[in-house]
C-alpha cells in the first residue's frame, strides 16, 4: 500500500489516566503531521513500555468508541511489541490516544502510514 509513512509517539512522565494523544511525525523526521478529516491512519507496528505495573490502552478515537488497538495489564518495566500482518485501520480522521495508569514513565511508539485526501 502506498501512503505517507509516519511514526507516532506518546511519552509522559506520569500517569496518563486521562489519555495522551499520540503525536504523528513524518517518517524519519521531527516534523509533525496532522491527520486530515478525510485521511485514514494505518498502523503497522506498536511498541508500548510502562515503568510501573499498570493497565494500558491504545485506542483509535476514544475509549468510549471502543476502538482498541491494544489493551492489557503490564508488569513493572513491561511492555508489548506487535507487528500487524494486516495494518490496523483507524476510523477516518481519527488519531490515537494512549492511556496508562502507571505513575512513572509511559512510552508508546507506533509506525504506519496515512492514506486519503
N, C-alpha and C. Protein backbone atom coordinates (compact mmCIF):
# COMPACT_ATOMS: atom_id res chain seq x y z
N UNK A 1 0.84 -1.18 0.00
CA UNK A 1 0.00 0.00 0.00
C UNK A 1 0.89 1.24 0.00
N UNK A 2 0.56 2.18 -0.82
CA UNK A 2 1.28 3.45 -0.84
C UNK A 2 0.59 4.43 0.09
N UNK A 3 1.35 5.31 0.65
CA UNK A 3 0.81 6.31 1.55
C UNK A 3 1.94 7.17 2.06
N UNK A 4 1.63 8.03 3.00
CA UNK A 4 2.63 8.89 3.62
C UNK A 4 3.12 8.18 4.88
N UNK A 5 4.38 7.68 4.89
CA UNK A 5 4.88 6.99 6.08
C UNK A 5 4.98 7.95 7.27
N UNK A 6 4.56 7.47 8.43
CA UNK A 6 4.61 8.27 9.66
C UNK A 6 5.03 7.38 10.82
N UNK A 7 5.50 8.02 11.87
CA UNK A 7 5.66 7.35 13.15
C UNK A 7 4.96 8.24 14.18
N UNK A 8 4.59 7.64 15.28
CA UNK A 8 3.89 8.39 16.32
C UNK A 8 4.50 8.12 17.67
N UNK A 9 4.41 9.11 18.55
CA UNK A 9 4.97 8.98 19.90
C UNK A 9 4.05 9.59 20.93
N UNK A 10 3.98 8.94 22.06
CA UNK A 10 3.33 9.48 23.24
C UNK A 10 4.22 9.08 24.41
N UNK A 11 4.91 10.05 24.98
CA UNK A 11 5.82 9.79 26.09
C UNK A 11 5.46 10.73 27.22
N UNK A 12 5.18 10.17 28.38
CA UNK A 12 4.81 11.01 29.52
C UNK A 12 5.48 10.50 30.78
N UNK A 13 5.90 11.39 31.64
CA UNK A 13 6.47 11.02 32.92
C UNK A 13 5.39 11.24 33.96
N UNK A 14 4.49 10.30 34.05
CA UNK A 14 3.37 10.39 34.97
C UNK A 14 2.19 9.62 34.41
N UNK A 15 1.17 9.48 35.20
CA UNK A 15 0.00 8.73 34.78
C UNK A 15 -0.66 9.38 33.57
N UNK A 16 -1.15 8.54 32.68
CA UNK A 16 -1.88 9.01 31.50
C UNK A 16 -3.32 8.53 31.60
N UNK A 17 -3.89 8.64 32.79
CA UNK A 17 -5.25 8.17 33.02
C UNK A 17 -6.27 8.87 32.13
N UNK A 18 -6.04 10.15 31.87
CA UNK A 18 -6.97 10.93 31.07
C UNK A 18 -6.74 10.80 29.57
N UNK A 19 -5.71 10.09 29.20
CA UNK A 19 -5.41 9.89 27.78
C UNK A 19 -4.45 10.94 27.25
N UNK A 20 -3.47 10.50 26.51
CA UNK A 20 -2.48 11.36 25.88
C UNK A 20 -2.52 11.08 24.38
N UNK A 21 -2.73 12.10 23.58
CA UNK A 21 -2.76 11.92 22.13
C UNK A 21 -1.39 11.47 21.63
N UNK A 22 -1.38 10.55 20.69
CA UNK A 22 -0.15 10.11 20.05
C UNK A 22 0.16 11.11 18.95
N UNK A 23 1.29 11.81 19.07
CA UNK A 23 1.69 12.80 18.08
C UNK A 23 2.30 12.10 16.88
N UNK A 24 1.83 12.46 15.69
CA UNK A 24 2.34 11.87 14.45
C UNK A 24 3.44 12.74 13.87
N UNK A 25 4.45 12.09 13.31
CA UNK A 25 5.57 12.77 12.66
C UNK A 25 5.81 12.15 11.30
N UNK A 26 6.28 12.95 10.35
CA UNK A 26 6.70 12.40 9.07
C UNK A 26 7.82 11.41 9.36
N UNK A 27 7.80 10.28 8.67
CA UNK A 27 8.77 9.23 8.92
C UNK A 27 10.20 9.74 8.78
N UNK A 28 11.02 9.43 9.77
CA UNK A 28 12.42 9.82 9.75
C UNK A 28 12.69 11.28 10.06
N UNK A 29 11.70 11.99 10.62
CA UNK A 29 11.91 13.41 10.91
C UNK A 29 11.22 13.79 12.22
N UNK A 30 11.39 15.05 12.59
CA UNK A 30 10.71 15.58 13.77
C UNK A 30 9.61 16.56 13.36
N UNK A 31 9.24 16.53 12.08
CA UNK A 31 8.16 17.38 11.57
C UNK A 31 6.82 16.72 11.88
N UNK A 32 5.96 17.41 12.62
CA UNK A 32 4.67 16.83 12.97
C UNK A 32 3.77 16.73 11.74
N UNK A 33 2.87 15.76 11.79
CA UNK A 33 1.95 15.52 10.68
C UNK A 33 0.55 15.48 11.27
N UNK A 34 -0.29 16.43 10.88
CA UNK A 34 -1.68 16.47 11.34
C UNK A 34 -2.52 15.58 10.44
N UNK A 35 -3.37 14.78 11.04
CA UNK A 35 -4.26 13.90 10.29
C UNK A 35 -5.47 14.68 9.82
N UNK A 36 -5.71 14.69 8.51
CA UNK A 36 -6.85 15.39 7.95
C UNK A 36 -8.16 14.65 8.20
N UNK A 37 -9.28 15.36 8.12
CA UNK A 37 -10.59 14.78 8.41
C UNK A 37 -10.95 13.63 7.48
N UNK A 38 -10.41 13.62 6.26
CA UNK A 38 -10.73 12.56 5.30
C UNK A 38 -9.60 11.54 5.16
N UNK A 39 -8.57 11.68 5.98
CA UNK A 39 -7.43 10.75 5.90
C UNK A 39 -7.60 9.60 6.88
N UNK A 40 -6.94 8.49 6.55
CA UNK A 40 -7.00 7.30 7.39
C UNK A 40 -5.59 6.92 7.81
N UNK A 41 -5.42 6.68 9.11
CA UNK A 41 -4.16 6.22 9.66
C UNK A 41 -4.18 4.70 9.71
N UNK A 42 -3.16 4.09 9.13
CA UNK A 42 -2.98 2.64 9.17
C UNK A 42 -1.76 2.36 10.05
N UNK A 43 -1.92 1.46 11.00
CA UNK A 43 -0.84 1.15 11.94
C UNK A 43 -0.24 -0.20 11.58
N UNK A 44 1.09 -0.21 11.44
CA UNK A 44 1.78 -1.47 11.12
C UNK A 44 2.50 -2.06 12.33
N UNK A 45 2.97 -1.19 13.24
CA UNK A 45 3.74 -1.66 14.39
C UNK A 45 3.46 -0.79 15.61
N UNK A 46 3.45 -1.43 16.79
CA UNK A 46 3.33 -0.68 18.03
C UNK A 46 4.37 -1.19 19.03
N UNK A 47 4.84 -0.27 19.86
CA UNK A 47 5.73 -0.60 20.97
C UNK A 47 5.25 0.20 22.17
N UNK A 48 4.97 -0.48 23.27
CA UNK A 48 4.50 0.20 24.47
C UNK A 48 5.30 -0.32 25.66
N UNK A 49 5.83 0.60 26.46
CA UNK A 49 6.59 0.24 27.65
C UNK A 49 6.10 1.13 28.79
N UNK A 50 5.85 0.52 29.96
CA UNK A 50 5.45 1.27 31.15
C UNK A 50 6.43 0.95 32.27
N UNK A 51 6.88 1.97 32.97
CA UNK A 51 7.87 1.78 34.03
C UNK A 51 7.29 1.04 35.22
N UNK A 52 6.04 1.33 35.58
CA UNK A 52 5.40 0.68 36.71
C UNK A 52 4.32 -0.28 36.22
N UNK A 53 3.92 -1.19 37.09
CA UNK A 53 2.81 -2.09 36.78
C UNK A 53 1.57 -1.25 36.49
N UNK A 54 0.89 -1.56 35.40
CA UNK A 54 -0.30 -0.76 35.08
C UNK A 54 -1.17 -1.43 34.03
N UNK A 55 -2.38 -0.92 33.93
CA UNK A 55 -3.26 -1.24 32.81
C UNK A 55 -3.02 -0.17 31.77
N UNK A 56 -3.02 -0.57 30.50
CA UNK A 56 -2.83 0.42 29.45
C UNK A 56 -3.79 0.12 28.31
N UNK A 57 -4.09 1.20 27.55
CA UNK A 57 -4.95 1.11 26.39
C UNK A 57 -4.36 1.99 25.30
N UNK A 58 -4.38 1.52 24.09
CA UNK A 58 -4.10 2.34 22.92
C UNK A 58 -5.36 2.27 22.08
N UNK A 59 -6.01 3.41 21.91
CA UNK A 59 -7.31 3.41 21.24
C UNK A 59 -7.32 4.37 20.05
N UNK A 60 -8.08 4.00 19.06
CA UNK A 60 -8.32 4.86 17.90
C UNK A 60 -9.58 5.65 18.21
N UNK A 61 -9.44 6.93 18.45
CA UNK A 61 -10.53 7.83 18.80
C UNK A 61 -10.60 7.97 20.32
N UNK A 62 -11.44 7.18 20.99
CA UNK A 62 -11.58 7.30 22.45
C UNK A 62 -11.97 5.94 23.03
N UNK A 63 -11.80 5.80 24.35
CA UNK A 63 -12.21 4.54 25.00
C UNK A 63 -13.71 4.30 24.78
N UNK A 64 -14.48 5.36 24.86
CA UNK A 64 -15.94 5.24 24.71
C UNK A 64 -16.31 4.69 23.33
N UNK A 65 -15.50 4.99 22.32
CA UNK A 65 -15.77 4.50 20.97
C UNK A 65 -15.48 3.00 20.85
N UNK A 66 -14.69 2.47 21.80
CA UNK A 66 -14.42 1.03 21.82
C UNK A 66 -13.49 0.54 20.73
N UNK A 67 -12.70 1.42 20.13
CA UNK A 67 -11.77 1.03 19.06
C UNK A 67 -10.39 0.78 19.66
N UNK A 68 -10.21 -0.38 20.32
CA UNK A 68 -8.96 -0.71 20.98
C UNK A 68 -7.95 -1.27 19.97
N UNK A 69 -6.78 -0.65 19.91
CA UNK A 69 -5.68 -1.17 19.11
C UNK A 69 -4.90 -2.15 19.96
N UNK A 70 -4.70 -1.81 21.24
CA UNK A 70 -4.03 -2.68 22.20
C UNK A 70 -4.58 -2.37 23.58
N UNK A 71 -4.67 -3.41 24.41
CA UNK A 71 -5.13 -3.22 25.79
C UNK A 71 -4.58 -4.36 26.61
N UNK A 72 -4.11 -4.05 27.81
CA UNK A 72 -3.62 -5.13 28.66
C UNK A 72 -3.04 -4.62 29.95
N UNK A 73 -2.68 -5.57 30.81
CA UNK A 73 -2.04 -5.27 32.08
C UNK A 73 -0.55 -5.58 31.91
N UNK A 74 0.29 -4.60 32.21
CA UNK A 74 1.73 -4.77 32.06
C UNK A 74 2.40 -4.84 33.42
N UNK A 75 3.42 -5.69 33.53
CA UNK A 75 4.25 -5.74 34.73
C UNK A 75 5.17 -4.54 34.76
N UNK A 76 5.79 -4.29 35.90
CA UNK A 76 6.76 -3.20 36.02
C UNK A 76 7.85 -3.38 34.97
N UNK A 77 8.15 -2.33 34.27
CA UNK A 77 9.12 -2.31 33.18
C UNK A 77 8.76 -3.31 32.09
N UNK A 78 7.47 -3.58 32.00
CA UNK A 78 6.96 -4.50 30.99
C UNK A 78 6.50 -3.75 29.77
N UNK A 79 6.26 -4.48 28.73
CA UNK A 79 5.80 -3.83 27.51
C UNK A 79 5.32 -4.82 26.49
N UNK A 80 4.89 -4.28 25.37
CA UNK A 80 4.49 -5.11 24.25
C UNK A 80 5.09 -4.53 22.97
N UNK A 81 5.40 -5.42 22.07
CA UNK A 81 5.84 -5.06 20.73
C UNK A 81 4.99 -5.91 19.81
N UNK A 82 4.31 -5.28 18.87
CA UNK A 82 3.43 -6.04 17.98
C UNK A 82 3.53 -5.51 16.55
N UNK A 83 3.63 -6.44 15.60
CA UNK A 83 3.59 -6.11 14.17
C UNK A 83 2.28 -6.66 13.62
N UNK A 84 1.51 -5.80 12.97
CA UNK A 84 0.25 -6.22 12.35
C UNK A 84 0.56 -6.73 10.94
N UNK A 85 0.27 -8.00 10.65
CA UNK A 85 0.49 -8.51 9.29
C UNK A 85 -0.44 -7.82 8.30
N UNK A 86 -1.63 -7.45 8.75
CA UNK A 86 -2.53 -6.59 8.01
C UNK A 86 -2.67 -5.32 8.84
N UNK A 87 -2.30 -4.16 8.30
CA UNK A 87 -2.32 -2.93 9.11
C UNK A 87 -3.67 -2.68 9.77
N UNK A 88 -3.62 -2.21 11.02
CA UNK A 88 -4.82 -1.81 11.75
C UNK A 88 -5.32 -0.51 11.12
N UNK A 89 -6.60 -0.45 10.79
CA UNK A 89 -7.19 0.71 10.15
C UNK A 89 -7.97 1.54 11.17
N UNK A 90 -7.52 2.77 11.39
CA UNK A 90 -8.23 3.68 12.29
C UNK A 90 -9.43 4.29 11.57
N UNK A 91 -10.42 4.78 12.30
CA UNK A 91 -11.54 5.46 11.66
C UNK A 91 -11.05 6.72 10.93
N UNK A 92 -11.72 7.07 9.87
CA UNK A 92 -11.35 8.24 9.06
C UNK A 92 -11.24 9.49 9.93
N UNK A 93 -10.10 10.16 9.83
CA UNK A 93 -9.89 11.41 10.55
C UNK A 93 -9.59 11.28 12.02
N UNK A 94 -9.46 10.06 12.53
CA UNK A 94 -9.25 9.84 13.96
C UNK A 94 -7.83 9.36 14.23
N UNK A 95 -7.18 10.00 15.20
CA UNK A 95 -5.84 9.61 15.61
C UNK A 95 -5.90 8.64 16.78
N UNK A 96 -4.76 8.45 17.43
CA UNK A 96 -4.64 7.51 18.53
C UNK A 96 -4.50 8.24 19.86
N UNK A 97 -5.02 7.59 20.90
CA UNK A 97 -4.88 8.10 22.26
C UNK A 97 -4.35 6.95 23.12
N UNK A 98 -3.33 7.27 23.94
CA UNK A 98 -2.74 6.29 24.85
C UNK A 98 -3.19 6.57 26.27
N UNK A 99 -3.60 5.51 26.98
CA UNK A 99 -3.97 5.60 28.39
C UNK A 99 -3.09 4.64 29.16
N UNK A 100 -2.47 5.11 30.22
CA UNK A 100 -1.65 4.25 31.07
C UNK A 100 -1.75 4.73 32.50
N UNK A 101 -1.97 3.81 33.42
CA UNK A 101 -2.19 4.19 34.82
C UNK A 101 -0.92 4.25 35.63
N UNK A 102 0.23 3.95 35.04
CA UNK A 102 1.48 3.97 35.80
C UNK A 102 1.82 5.38 36.24
N UNK A 103 2.45 5.49 37.41
CA UNK A 103 2.80 6.81 37.94
C UNK A 103 4.07 7.36 37.31
N UNK A 104 4.88 6.51 36.71
CA UNK A 104 6.13 6.96 36.13
C UNK A 104 6.08 6.92 34.61
N UNK A 105 7.21 6.71 33.99
CA UNK A 105 7.33 6.83 32.55
C UNK A 105 6.44 5.87 31.77
N UNK A 106 5.67 6.41 30.84
CA UNK A 106 4.86 5.64 29.89
C UNK A 106 5.31 6.01 28.49
N UNK A 107 5.59 5.03 27.67
CA UNK A 107 6.05 5.28 26.31
C UNK A 107 5.24 4.46 25.33
N UNK A 108 4.74 5.12 24.29
CA UNK A 108 4.01 4.45 23.22
C UNK A 108 4.56 4.96 21.88
N UNK A 109 5.00 4.04 21.03
CA UNK A 109 5.54 4.40 19.72
C UNK A 109 4.82 3.56 18.67
N UNK A 110 4.40 4.21 17.60
CA UNK A 110 3.75 3.47 16.50
C UNK A 110 4.48 3.77 15.19
N UNK A 111 4.33 2.86 14.25
CA UNK A 111 4.78 3.05 12.87
C UNK A 111 3.57 2.81 11.99
N UNK A 112 3.47 3.52 10.89
CA UNK A 112 2.37 3.31 9.98
C UNK A 112 2.41 4.26 8.81
N UNK A 113 1.25 4.48 8.22
CA UNK A 113 1.16 5.37 7.09
C UNK A 113 -0.24 5.96 7.03
N UNK A 114 -0.34 7.09 6.31
CA UNK A 114 -1.61 7.79 6.15
C UNK A 114 -1.99 7.76 4.68
N UNK A 115 -3.28 7.47 4.42
CA UNK A 115 -3.80 7.50 3.06
C UNK A 115 -5.08 8.33 3.04
N UNK A 116 -5.42 8.82 1.88
CA UNK A 116 -6.64 9.61 1.71
C UNK A 116 -6.30 11.06 1.47
N UNK A 117 -7.33 11.83 1.15
CA UNK A 117 -7.08 13.26 0.89
C UNK A 117 -8.27 14.08 1.30
